[in-house]
């Protein structure tokens, strides 16, 4: 997973914020419920004490204390309900105290005797030996006969703690599940929301300087994504217009320069034939003719590249054997290799058919092999190999020359780029040969790559779509051979 992606960062922020809010909510519910249950218990104990005093203890002088005690046991049953009730006389003697609850939640003997309070109050009493806590409500009461009593009503905190423990367990188990489900849902929603961005990205990656007429899909969402796609299409349209203008300018300029250069070359050749010229003048005119010829090659190369890039170059596509074409071209260039004492080897083990323009593809082989010969020292070796691999025709040109520096490899197919300008000029290079190779390969739906190490040589690989006819023919031949073999075995 890409930790720098918007999807991942939004998910992390969403998960963190959701977890923090749910934790805050759970804590608020926990403490709020604890406060509410404590207040509710206090209110229940107060009402119980007030009801006992007003209903039973008010007429204690007439009914007698034993009657009050029996009524409390009968109506309130403290032991069964896990409650504590104690009535203390003003002299400190106990009139009634409840026994140990049936559930054994607390021991009432551990509760201290009360003092005569000035007003009713509720307090928490910690039982000895860690037996828990009891919430004790205490109030003073004066009966109609003037007798004064302290009435206590209490209940253990176990019930409140049990409820809070259950809530805490629920929150502890439920919050992670809720957060996990929310994160999964949020990630799914964000992935769906960012799908148009992925579509725009993939479409943008397919657009190059050769297919600027294509456009990105318009995301009809009415939001920022739609405005972004519209803006990007407008930018691509402007780039298309700019590239078209540049190509047209290059083609027009190259075309216009061809005529004056031809005239200039003809005039220089005519002057060079004058018998009255001195030796120095002949050398100067010869040098001018060489530069004129070199300039004419540059102009012609620029015109070829411009037309190829614009798709205006006339190409006669036909099915041809690329291996045979490469082998014939290598044979024609063998004299150049012999002049430099370079071993030029061709390896074309089987026919490899492609669909393309024979003259243009021959130009690819010529440029790559010619470059390899130029930049390979005497005694070196140049290998040319044509094979088929995964439905593609591969042309490999490998040499043992000085190689190409690593920093120059990304620019090697750029126009007029030369690694060693002085050396390239000395061998007659214009810096356009590899650019032409790249343009021809692109026009045929292929590509060219280079691998090189300084002082160890270079390896250029041209990849073109192989003709499906060859594969089908080979399958037919193999099927026929298999069939004949089976028939012979049966006979």
Protein backbone atom coordinates (compact mmCIF):
# COMPACT_ATOMS: atom_id res chain seq x y z
CA UNK A 1 0.00 0.00 0.00
CA UNK A 2 1.27 3.42 -0.93
CA UNK A 3 1.52 5.37 2.32
CA UNK A 4 1.85 8.65 0.42
CA UNK A 5 -1.38 8.30 -1.54
CA UNK A 6 -4.33 10.58 -0.86
CA UNK A 7 -6.49 7.52 -0.25
CA UNK A 8 -4.18 6.22 2.50
CA UNK A 9 -3.75 9.61 4.16
CA UNK A 10 -7.49 10.33 4.12
CA UNK A 11 -8.16 6.89 5.59
CA UNK A 12 -5.62 7.46 8.39
CA UNK A 13 -7.04 10.89 9.22
CA UNK A 14 -10.59 9.57 9.08
CA UNK A 15 -9.72 6.58 11.28
CA UNK A 16 -7.86 8.71 13.82
CA UNK A 17 -10.61 11.32 14.05
CA UNK A 18 -13.34 8.69 14.28
CA UNK A 19 -11.49 6.74 16.97
CA UNK A 20 -10.89 9.92 18.99
CA UNK A 21 -14.53 11.01 18.75
CA UNK A 22 -15.85 7.56 19.64
CA UNK A 23 -13.45 7.32 22.57
CA UNK A 24 -14.55 10.75 23.80
CA UNK A 25 -18.20 9.77 23.35
CA UNK A 26 -17.69 6.46 25.19
CA UNK A 27 -15.92 8.20 28.08
CA UNK A 28 -18.70 10.77 28.31
CA UNK A 29 -21.35 8.04 28.33
CA UNK A 30 -19.43 6.03 30.94
CA UNK A 31 -18.90 8.87 33.41
CA UNK A 32 -22.30 10.40 32.70
CA UNK A 33 -24.08 7.12 33.33
CA UNK A 34 -22.06 6.60 36.51
CA UNK A 35 -23.14 10.01 37.80
CA UNK A 36 -26.73 9.41 36.82
CA UNK A 37 -26.91 5.99 38.50
CA UNK A 38 -25.37 7.40 41.67
CA UNK A 39 -27.85 10.27 41.72
CA UNK A 40 -30.73 7.87 41.01
CA UNK A 41 -29.65 5.61 43.87
CA UNK A 42 -29.38 8.57 46.23
CA UNK A 43 -32.86 9.70 45.24
CA UNK A 44 -34.26 6.18 45.74
CA UNK A 45 -32.68 5.89 49.20
CA UNK A 46 -33.95 9.32 50.19
CA UNK A 47 -37.51 8.49 49.10
CA UNK A 48 -37.32 5.17 50.91
CA UNK A 49 -36.20 6.82 54.16
CA UNK A 50 -38.81 9.56 53.89
CA UNK A 51 -41.56 7.02 53.19
CA UNK A 52 -40.58 4.94 56.23
CA UNK A 53 -40.61 7.91 58.52
CA UNK A 54 -43.86 9.43 57.30
CA UNK A 55 -45.74 6.13 57.05
CA UNK A 56 -44.48 4.04 59.98
CA UNK A 57 -42.22 6.00 62.30
CA UNK A 58 -44.39 9.12 62.70
CA UNK A 59 -46.86 7.36 65.06
CA UNK A 60 -44.36 5.19 66.86
CA UNK A 61 -45.68 6.47 70.19
CA UNK A 62 -49.09 4.95 69.44
CA UNK A 63 -48.18 1.80 67.48
CA UNK A 64 -45.04 0.85 69.35
CA UNK A 65 -41.53 0.14 68.08
CA UNK A 66 -42.15 -3.57 67.49
CA UNK A 67 -44.94 -2.74 65.07
CA UNK A 68 -42.67 -0.34 63.19
CA UNK A 69 -39.98 -2.99 62.96
CA UNK A 70 -42.38 -5.60 61.61
CA UNK A 71 -43.77 -3.16 59.05
CA UNK A 72 -40.29 -2.32 57.79
CA UNK A 73 -39.40 -6.01 57.45
CA UNK A 74 -42.66 -6.75 55.69
CA UNK A 75 -42.82 -3.81 53.31
CA UNK A 76 -39.13 -3.17 52.55
CA UNK A 77 -37.45 -6.55 53.14
CA UNK A 78 -33.88 -5.09 53.19
CA UNK A 79 -32.15 -8.48 53.27
CA UNK A 80 -33.97 -9.69 50.16
CA UNK A 81 -33.52 -6.41 48.23
CA UNK A 82 -29.86 -6.00 49.23
CA UNK A 83 -30.61 -2.81 51.11
CA UNK A 84 -29.51 -1.53 54.48
CA UNK A 85 -31.95 0.05 56.98
CA UNK A 86 -31.07 1.22 60.45
CA UNK A 87 -33.11 3.32 62.90
CA UNK A 88 -31.22 4.74 65.85
CA UNK A 89 -32.74 6.47 68.87
CA UNK A 90 -31.49 9.85 70.03
CA UNK A 91 -29.59 8.19 72.90
CA UNK A 92 -27.55 6.14 70.42
CA UNK A 93 -29.35 2.85 70.91
CA UNK A 94 -30.44 0.95 67.84
CA UNK A 95 -34.16 0.34 67.41
CA UNK A 96 -33.77 -1.62 64.17
CA UNK A 97 -30.96 -2.71 61.89
CA UNK A 98 -31.24 -4.95 58.84
CA UNK A 99 -29.28 -8.17 58.57
CA UNK A 100 -26.79 -9.47 56.05
CA UNK A 101 -28.26 -9.42 52.51
CA UNK A 102 -29.04 -12.78 50.96
CA UNK A 103 -26.59 -12.16 48.11
CA UNK A 104 -23.84 -11.32 50.61
CA UNK A 105 -22.98 -8.11 48.81
CA UNK A 106 -21.91 -6.38 52.05
CA UNK A 107 -21.72 -6.86 55.80
CA UNK A 108 -23.85 -4.25 57.66
CA UNK A 109 -21.92 -4.80 60.88
CA UNK A 110 -19.01 -2.91 59.30
CA UNK A 111 -21.03 0.32 59.06
CA UNK A 112 -20.24 2.78 61.87
CA UNK A 113 -22.96 4.09 64.14
CA UNK A 114 -24.38 7.43 63.04
CA UNK A 115 -24.16 10.81 64.67
CA UNK A 116 -27.11 13.11 64.92
CA UNK A 117 -26.89 15.13 61.67
CA UNK A 118 -28.16 18.65 61.42
CA UNK A 119 -29.72 17.84 58.07
CA UNK A 120 -30.13 14.95 55.70
CA UNK A 121 -27.04 13.90 53.71
CA UNK A 122 -25.70 11.06 51.58
CA UNK A 123 -22.17 9.75 51.74
CA UNK A 124 -20.02 6.89 50.57
CA UNK A 125 -18.89 4.52 53.29
CA UNK A 126 -15.93 2.20 52.67
CA UNK A 127 -16.39 -1.14 54.36
CA UNK A 128 -13.44 -2.68 56.21
CA UNK A 129 -11.23 -5.37 54.68
CA UNK A 130 -12.00 -4.16 51.17
CA UNK A 131 -15.59 -5.45 51.10
CA UNK A 132 -16.70 -2.62 48.87
CA UNK A 133 -18.58 0.62 49.30
CA UNK A 134 -22.06 1.48 50.47
CA UNK A 135 -23.98 4.62 49.63
CA UNK A 136 -25.63 5.67 52.89
CA UNK A 137 -28.43 8.20 53.18
CA UNK A 138 -28.91 9.64 56.67
CA UNK A 139 -31.69 11.86 58.00
CA UNK A 140 -33.02 12.86 61.43
CA UNK A 141 -36.70 12.54 62.24
CA UNK A 142 -38.93 13.68 65.10
CA UNK A 143 -42.08 11.65 65.71
CA UNK A 144 -45.39 13.16 66.76
CA UNK A 145 -44.75 12.24 70.38
CA UNK A 146 -41.45 14.16 70.29
CA UNK A 147 -39.18 11.12 69.98
CA UNK A 148 -36.10 11.75 67.84
CA UNK A 149 -34.53 9.18 65.56
CA UNK A 150 -31.74 8.86 62.99
CA UNK A 151 -32.96 6.96 59.95
CA UNK A 152 -30.37 5.41 57.57
CA UNK A 153 -31.05 3.82 54.22
CA UNK A 154 -28.20 2.35 52.22
CA UNK A 155 -27.34 0.24 49.19
CA UNK A 156 -24.08 -1.20 47.88
CA UNK A 157 -22.30 0.26 44.87
CA UNK A 158 -22.07 -3.22 43.34
CA UNK A 159 -25.13 -2.66 41.17
CA UNK A 160 -23.77 0.58 39.74
CA UNK A 161 -20.32 -0.94 39.23
CA UNK A 162 -21.87 -3.97 37.51
CA UNK A 163 -23.74 -1.74 35.05
CA UNK A 164 -20.64 0.38 34.41
CA UNK A 165 -18.49 -2.71 33.96
CA UNK A 166 -20.93 -4.07 31.39
CA UNK A 167 -20.94 -0.73 29.58
CA UNK A 168 -17.15 -0.61 29.63
CA UNK A 169 -16.96 -4.13 28.24
CA UNK A 170 -19.46 -3.23 25.52
CA UNK A 171 -17.51 -0.12 24.57
CA UNK A 172 -14.20 -1.98 24.66
CA UNK A 173 -15.47 -4.68 22.31
CA UNK A 174 -17.81 -2.58 20.20
CA UNK A 175 -15.71 0.51 19.50
CA UNK A 176 -12.88 -1.35 17.68
CA UNK A 177 -15.46 -3.19 15.58
CA UNK A 178 -17.28 0.05 14.76
CA UNK A 179 -13.99 1.78 13.91
CA UNK A 180 -12.87 -1.13 11.72
CA UNK A 181 -16.18 -1.23 9.85
CA UNK A 182 -16.16 2.55 9.47
CA UNK A 183 -12.60 2.51 8.13
CA UNK A 184 -13.48 -0.23 5.65
CA UNK A 185 -16.56 1.67 4.51
CA UNK A 186 -14.65 4.95 4.36
CA UNK A 187 -11.84 3.37 2.34
CA UNK A 188 -14.37 1.89 -0.09
CA UNK A 189 -16.15 5.24 -0.44
CA UNK A 190 -12.86 7.08 -0.98
CA UNK A 191 -11.76 4.50 -3.55
CA UNK A 192 -15.01 4.97 -5.44
CA UNK A 193 -14.65 8.74 -5.16
CA UNK A 194 -11.07 8.64 -6.48
CA UNK A 195 -11.76 6.24 -9.36
CA UNK A 196 -12.25 9.19 -11.77
CA UNK A 197 -8.81 10.44 -10.74
CA UNK A 198 -7.29 7.03 -11.59
CA UNK A 199 -9.06 7.12 -14.96
CA UNK A 200 -7.68 10.60 -15.64
CA UNK A 201 -4.19 9.47 -14.62
CA UNK A 202 -4.22 6.42 -16.90
CA UNK A 203 -5.52 8.47 -19.82
CA UNK A 204 -2.92 11.18 -19.22
CA UNK A 205 -0.12 8.59 -19.16
CA UNK A 206 -1.14 7.37 -22.62
CA UNK A 207 -0.94 10.85 -24.16
CA UNK A 208 2.45 11.73 -25.66
CA UNK A 209 3.67 14.24 -28.20
CA UNK A 210 2.57 11.81 -30.93
CA UNK A 211 -1.12 11.51 -29.92
CA UNK A 212 -1.99 14.93 -28.55
CA UNK A 213 -5.22 14.76 -30.51
CA UNK A 214 -6.59 12.43 -27.82
CA UNK A 215 -8.46 13.86 -24.83
CA UNK A 216 -9.04 12.89 -21.25
CA UNK A 217 -12.46 11.56 -20.20
CA UNK A 218 -14.76 14.23 -18.79
CA UNK A 219 -15.88 13.33 -15.26
CA UNK A 220 -19.51 14.50 -15.22
CA UNK A 221 -19.73 15.02 -11.46
CA UNK A 222 -20.29 18.76 -11.40
CA UNK A 223 -17.49 19.23 -8.88
CA UNK A 224 -13.76 19.95 -8.83
CA UNK A 225 -12.95 16.74 -10.74
CA UNK A 226 -15.06 17.82 -13.70
CA UNK A 227 -13.42 21.23 -13.75
CA UNK A 228 -9.99 19.54 -13.52
CA UNK A 229 -10.70 17.22 -16.47
CA UNK A 230 -11.98 20.13 -18.57
CA UNK A 231 -8.93 22.23 -17.69
CA UNK A 232 -6.54 19.38 -18.51
CA UNK A 233 -8.22 18.86 -21.89
CA UNK A 234 -7.86 22.56 -22.61
CA UNK A 235 -4.16 22.32 -21.73
CA UNK A 236 -3.71 19.27 -24.00
CA UNK A 237 -5.45 21.14 -26.81
CA UNK A 238 -3.06 24.07 -26.39
CA UNK A 239 -0.08 21.70 -26.37
CA UNK A 240 -1.41 20.00 -29.49
CA UNK A 241 -1.64 23.33 -31.26
CA UNK A 242 1.87 24.31 -30.13
CA UNK A 243 3.42 21.00 -31.24
CA UNK A 244 1.60 21.15 -34.56
CA UNK A 245 2.93 24.66 -35.11
CA UNK A 246 6.49 23.56 -34.25
CA UNK A 247 6.34 20.54 -36.56
CA UNK A 248 4.91 22.59 -39.38
CA UNK A 249 7.57 25.24 -38.88
CA UNK A 250 10.38 22.64 -38.87
CA UNK A 251 9.01 20.94 -41.98
CA UNK A 252 8.47 24.25 -43.82
CA UNK A 253 11.90 25.58 -42.84
CA UNK A 254 13.61 22.35 -43.89
CA UNK A 255 11.73 22.30 -47.17
CA UNK A 256 12.59 25.92 -47.93
CA UNK A 257 16.28 25.38 -47.15
CA UNK A 258 16.67 22.47 -49.55
CA UNK A 259 16.54 24.60 -52.72
CA UNK A 260 19.10 27.26 -51.74
CA UNK A 261 21.45 24.57 -50.47
CA UNK A 262 21.16 22.67 -53.74
CA UNK A 263 21.87 25.86 -55.67
CA UNK A 264 24.80 26.70 -53.41
CA UNK A 265 26.29 23.25 -53.83
CA UNK A 266 25.94 23.42 -57.60
CA UNK A 267 27.61 26.83 -57.77
CA UNK A 268 30.48 25.71 -55.53
CA UNK A 269 31.00 22.62 -57.67
CA UNK A 270 31.05 24.82 -60.76
CA UNK A 271 33.61 27.18 -59.24
CA UNK A 272 35.76 24.23 -58.15
CA UNK A 273 36.10 23.17 -61.83
CA UNK A 274 37.75 26.47 -62.81
CA UNK A 275 41.35 25.60 -63.86
CA UNK A 276 42.61 29.06 -62.85
CA UNK A 277 41.97 28.50 -59.14
CA UNK A 278 44.94 28.21 -56.85
CA UNK A 279 45.47 25.22 -54.59
CA UNK A 280 44.48 27.20 -51.51
CA UNK A 281 41.22 28.33 -53.14
CA UNK A 282 40.41 24.77 -54.21
CA UNK A 283 40.89 23.59 -50.62
CA UNK A 284 38.65 26.37 -49.30
CA UNK A 285 35.91 25.58 -51.83
CA UNK A 286 36.26 21.87 -51.02
CA UNK A 287 35.79 22.62 -47.33
CA UNK A 288 32.77 24.78 -48.14
CA UNK A 289 31.31 21.93 -50.22
CA UNK A 290 31.77 19.51 -47.31
CA UNK A 291 29.96 21.87 -44.93
CA UNK A 292 27.23 22.46 -47.50
CA UNK A 293 26.78 18.71 -47.91
CA UNK A 294 26.66 18.28 -44.13
CA UNK A 295 24.10 21.07 -43.82
CA UNK A 296 22.01 19.47 -46.57
CA UNK A 297 22.01 16.17 -44.64
CA UNK A 298 20.86 17.97 -41.49
CA UNK A 299 18.04 19.69 -43.37
CA UNK A 300 16.97 16.42 -44.97
CA UNK A 301 17.03 14.65 -41.62
CA UNK A 302 14.98 17.41 -39.99
CA UNK A 303 12.43 17.17 -42.77
CA UNK A 304 12.20 13.39 -42.32
CA UNK A 305 11.73 13.69 -38.54
CA UNK A 306 9.12 16.45 -38.88
CA UNK A 307 7.09 14.41 -41.36
CA UNK A 308 7.34 11.25 -39.26
CA UNK A 309 6.27 13.06 -36.09
CA UNK A 310 3.37 14.70 -37.91
CA UNK A 311 2.34 11.41 -39.53
CA UNK A 312 2.75 12.96 -42.96
CA UNK A 313 5.67 10.84 -44.13
CA UNK A 314 4.72 8.62 -47.04
CA UNK A 315 5.32 5.00 -46.12
CA UNK A 316 4.56 1.97 -48.22
CA UNK A 317 3.61 -0.66 -45.69
CA UNK A 318 4.03 -4.27 -46.70
CA UNK A 319 4.85 -7.59 -45.07
CA UNK A 320 8.60 -8.16 -45.17
CA UNK A 321 11.26 -10.37 -43.63
CA UNK A 322 13.01 -8.13 -41.13
CA UNK A 323 15.79 -10.68 -40.61
CA UNK A 324 16.57 -10.82 -44.33
CA UNK A 325 16.49 -7.01 -44.55
CA UNK A 326 18.94 -6.67 -41.65
CA UNK A 327 21.29 -9.32 -43.08
CA UNK A 328 21.34 -7.66 -46.51
CA UNK A 329 21.98 -4.25 -44.99
CA UNK A 330 24.82 -5.60 -42.84
CA UNK A 331 26.41 -7.11 -45.95
CA UNK A 332 26.27 -3.73 -47.70
CA UNK A 333 27.94 -2.04 -44.71
CA UNK A 334 30.64 -4.68 -44.34
CA UNK A 335 33.10 -2.61 -46.41
CA UNK A 336 32.91 0.20 -43.84
CA UNK A 337 33.74 -2.28 -41.10
CA UNK A 338 36.65 -3.77 -43.08
CA UNK A 339 38.15 -0.30 -43.63
CA UNK A 340 38.35 0.13 -39.82
CA UNK A 341 39.40 -3.50 -39.19
CA UNK A 342 36.16 -4.16 -37.29
CA UNK A 343 34.46 -7.54 -37.21
CA UNK A 344 30.84 -7.13 -38.34
CA UNK A 345 28.72 -10.24 -37.60
CA UNK A 346 25.09 -10.88 -38.52
CA UNK A 347 22.95 -13.47 -36.73
CA UNK A 348 19.49 -14.08 -38.27
CA UNK A 349 18.59 -17.70 -37.48
CA UNK A 350 14.99 -17.60 -38.77
CA UNK A 351 12.64 -15.37 -40.75
CA UNK A 352 10.93 -12.66 -38.74
CA UNK A 353 8.16 -10.93 -40.65
CA UNK A 354 6.85 -7.46 -39.84
CA UNK A 355 4.48 -4.96 -41.40
CA UNK A 356 6.29 -1.80 -42.42
CA UNK A 357 8.05 0.38 -44.92
CA UNK A 358 11.13 -1.39 -46.23
CA UNK A 359 13.10 1.79 -46.93
CA UNK A 360 12.40 3.27 -43.49
CA UNK A 361 13.24 0.07 -41.64
CA UNK A 362 16.43 -0.25 -43.65
CA UNK A 363 17.27 3.29 -42.55
CA UNK A 364 16.93 2.13 -38.93
CA UNK A 365 19.41 -0.71 -39.48
CA UNK A 366 21.79 1.55 -41.41
CA UNK A 367 21.82 4.28 -38.75
CA UNK A 368 22.37 1.89 -35.84
CA UNK A 369 25.07 -0.22 -37.56
CA UNK A 370 26.77 2.87 -39.00
CA UNK A 371 26.90 4.45 -35.54
CA UNK A 372 28.30 1.26 -34.04
CA UNK A 373 31.05 1.13 -36.69
CA UNK A 374 31.90 4.82 -36.29
CA UNK A 375 32.33 4.66 -32.52
CA UNK A 376 34.02 1.25 -32.28
CA UNK A 377 37.82 1.34 -32.38
CA UNK A 378 39.91 -0.79 -34.76
CA UNK A 379 39.95 -4.45 -33.82
CA UNK A 380 36.52 -4.20 -32.23
CA UNK A 381 33.37 -6.17 -32.92
CA UNK A 382 29.81 -5.27 -33.98
CA UNK A 383 27.04 -7.87 -33.72
CA UNK A 384 23.63 -7.61 -35.39
CA UNK A 385 20.90 -10.02 -34.38
CA UNK A 386 17.22 -10.35 -35.32
CA UNK A 387 14.90 -12.61 -33.30
CA UNK A 388 11.23 -13.00 -32.42
CA UNK A 389 10.10 -12.78 -28.80
CA UNK A 390 6.56 -12.57 -27.33
CA UNK A 391 5.00 -11.47 -30.60
CA UNK A 392 7.67 -8.85 -31.32
CA UNK A 393 10.53 -8.61 -33.75
CA UNK A 394 13.77 -7.63 -32.00
CA UNK A 395 16.75 -6.04 -33.73
CA UNK A 396 19.84 -6.00 -31.54
CA UNK A 397 22.95 -4.05 -32.47
CA UNK A 398 25.83 -4.59 -30.05
CA UNK A 399 29.32 -3.12 -30.23
CA UNK A 400 32.55 -3.11 -28.22
CA UNK A 401 33.11 0.65 -28.47
CA UNK A 402 33.73 3.22 -25.77
CA UNK A 403 30.15 3.13 -24.50
CA UNK A 404 27.89 5.96 -23.43
CA UNK A 405 28.10 7.74 -20.04
CA UNK A 406 25.20 7.03 -17.70
CA UNK A 407 24.20 10.71 -17.54
CA UNK A 408 23.90 10.83 -21.34
CA UNK A 409 21.65 7.77 -21.77
CA UNK A 410 18.34 9.61 -21.09
CA UNK A 411 19.20 12.17 -23.84
CA UNK A 412 20.71 9.90 -26.45
CA UNK A 413 17.62 9.97 -28.72
CA UNK A 414 17.14 13.73 -28.52
CA UNK A 415 17.71 15.82 -31.63
CA UNK A 416 21.21 17.29 -32.06
CA UNK A 417 22.36 15.65 -28.83
CA UNK A 418 25.91 14.35 -29.03
CA UNK A 419 27.88 12.84 -26.17
CA UNK A 420 31.25 13.95 -27.52
CA UNK A 421 30.58 16.84 -29.87
CA UNK A 422 34.15 17.12 -31.11
CA UNK A 423 34.35 13.40 -31.86
CA UNK A 424 30.90 13.34 -33.47
CA UNK A 425 31.85 16.17 -35.76
CA UNK A 426 35.09 14.40 -36.67
CA UNK A 427 33.21 11.27 -37.77
CA UNK A 428 30.58 13.28 -39.60
CA UNK A 429 27.76 12.96 -37.08
CA UNK A 430 24.84 15.40 -37.04
CA UNK A 431 23.12 14.30 -33.83
CA UNK A 432 19.95 13.34 -35.75
CA UNK A 433 20.52 9.67 -36.63
CA UNK A 434 19.15 8.20 -33.40
CA UNK A 435 16.29 10.71 -33.39
CA UNK A 436 15.31 9.43 -36.86
CA UNK A 437 15.53 5.84 -35.59
CA UNK A 438 13.20 6.65 -32.69
CA UNK A 439 10.69 8.42 -34.98
CA UNK A 440 10.64 5.55 -37.49
CA UNK A 441 10.15 2.99 -34.71
CA UNK A 442 7.31 5.02 -33.22
CA UNK A 443 5.67 5.35 -36.65
CA UNK A 444 5.72 1.53 -36.88
CA UNK A 445 4.24 1.07 -33.39
CA UNK A 446 7.57 0.05 -31.89
CA UNK A 447 10.31 1.45 -29.70
CA UNK A 448 14.08 1.57 -29.35
CA UNK A 449 16.10 1.12 -26.16
CA UNK A 450 19.76 1.40 -25.28
CA UNK A 451 22.01 -0.20 -22.69
CA UNK A 452 25.58 0.95 -22.35
CA UNK A 453 28.58 0.86 -20.05
CA UNK A 454 31.57 3.13 -20.49
CA UNK A 455 34.60 1.38 -21.99
CA UNK A 456 32.54 -1.81 -22.51
CA UNK A 457 30.31 -0.95 -25.45
CA UNK A 458 26.65 -0.33 -26.17
CA UNK A 459 23.59 -2.40 -27.01
CA UNK A 460 20.67 -0.95 -28.98
CA UNK A 461 17.43 -2.95 -29.19
CA UNK A 462 14.61 -2.14 -31.62
CA UNK A 463 11.25 -3.72 -30.84
CA UNK A 464 8.58 -3.90 -33.55
CA UNK A 465 5.25 -5.76 -33.69
CA UNK A 466 5.80 -9.05 -35.52
CA UNK A 467 3.41 -10.01 -38.28
CA UNK A 468 0.77 -12.49 -37.12
CA UNK A 469 1.03 -14.19 -40.52
CA UNK A 470 4.34 -15.76 -39.57
CA UNK A 471 3.03 -17.23 -36.33
CA UNK A 472 -0.04 -18.62 -38.09
CA UNK A 473 2.11 -20.09 -40.88
CA UNK A 474 4.44 -21.76 -38.45
CA UNK A 475 1.53 -23.23 -36.50
CA UNK A 476 0.11 -24.57 -39.76
CA UNK A 477 3.43 -26.16 -40.70
CA UNK A 478 3.87 -27.68 -37.27
CA UNK A 479 0.32 -29.06 -37.33
CA UNK A 480 0.97 -30.58 -40.77
CA UNK A 481 4.21 -32.19 -39.60
CA UNK A 482 2.47 -33.62 -36.53
CA UNK A 483 -0.38 -34.96 -38.65
CA UNK A 484 2.01 -36.62 -41.10
CA UNK A 485 3.96 -38.14 -38.25
CA UNK A 486 0.79 -39.66 -36.75
CA UNK A 487 -0.28 -41.06 -40.14
CA UNK A 488 3.17 -42.61 -40.65
CA UNK A 489 3.03 -44.19 -37.22
CA UNK A 490 -0.45 -45.64 -37.93
CA UNK A 491 0.70 -47.01 -41.32
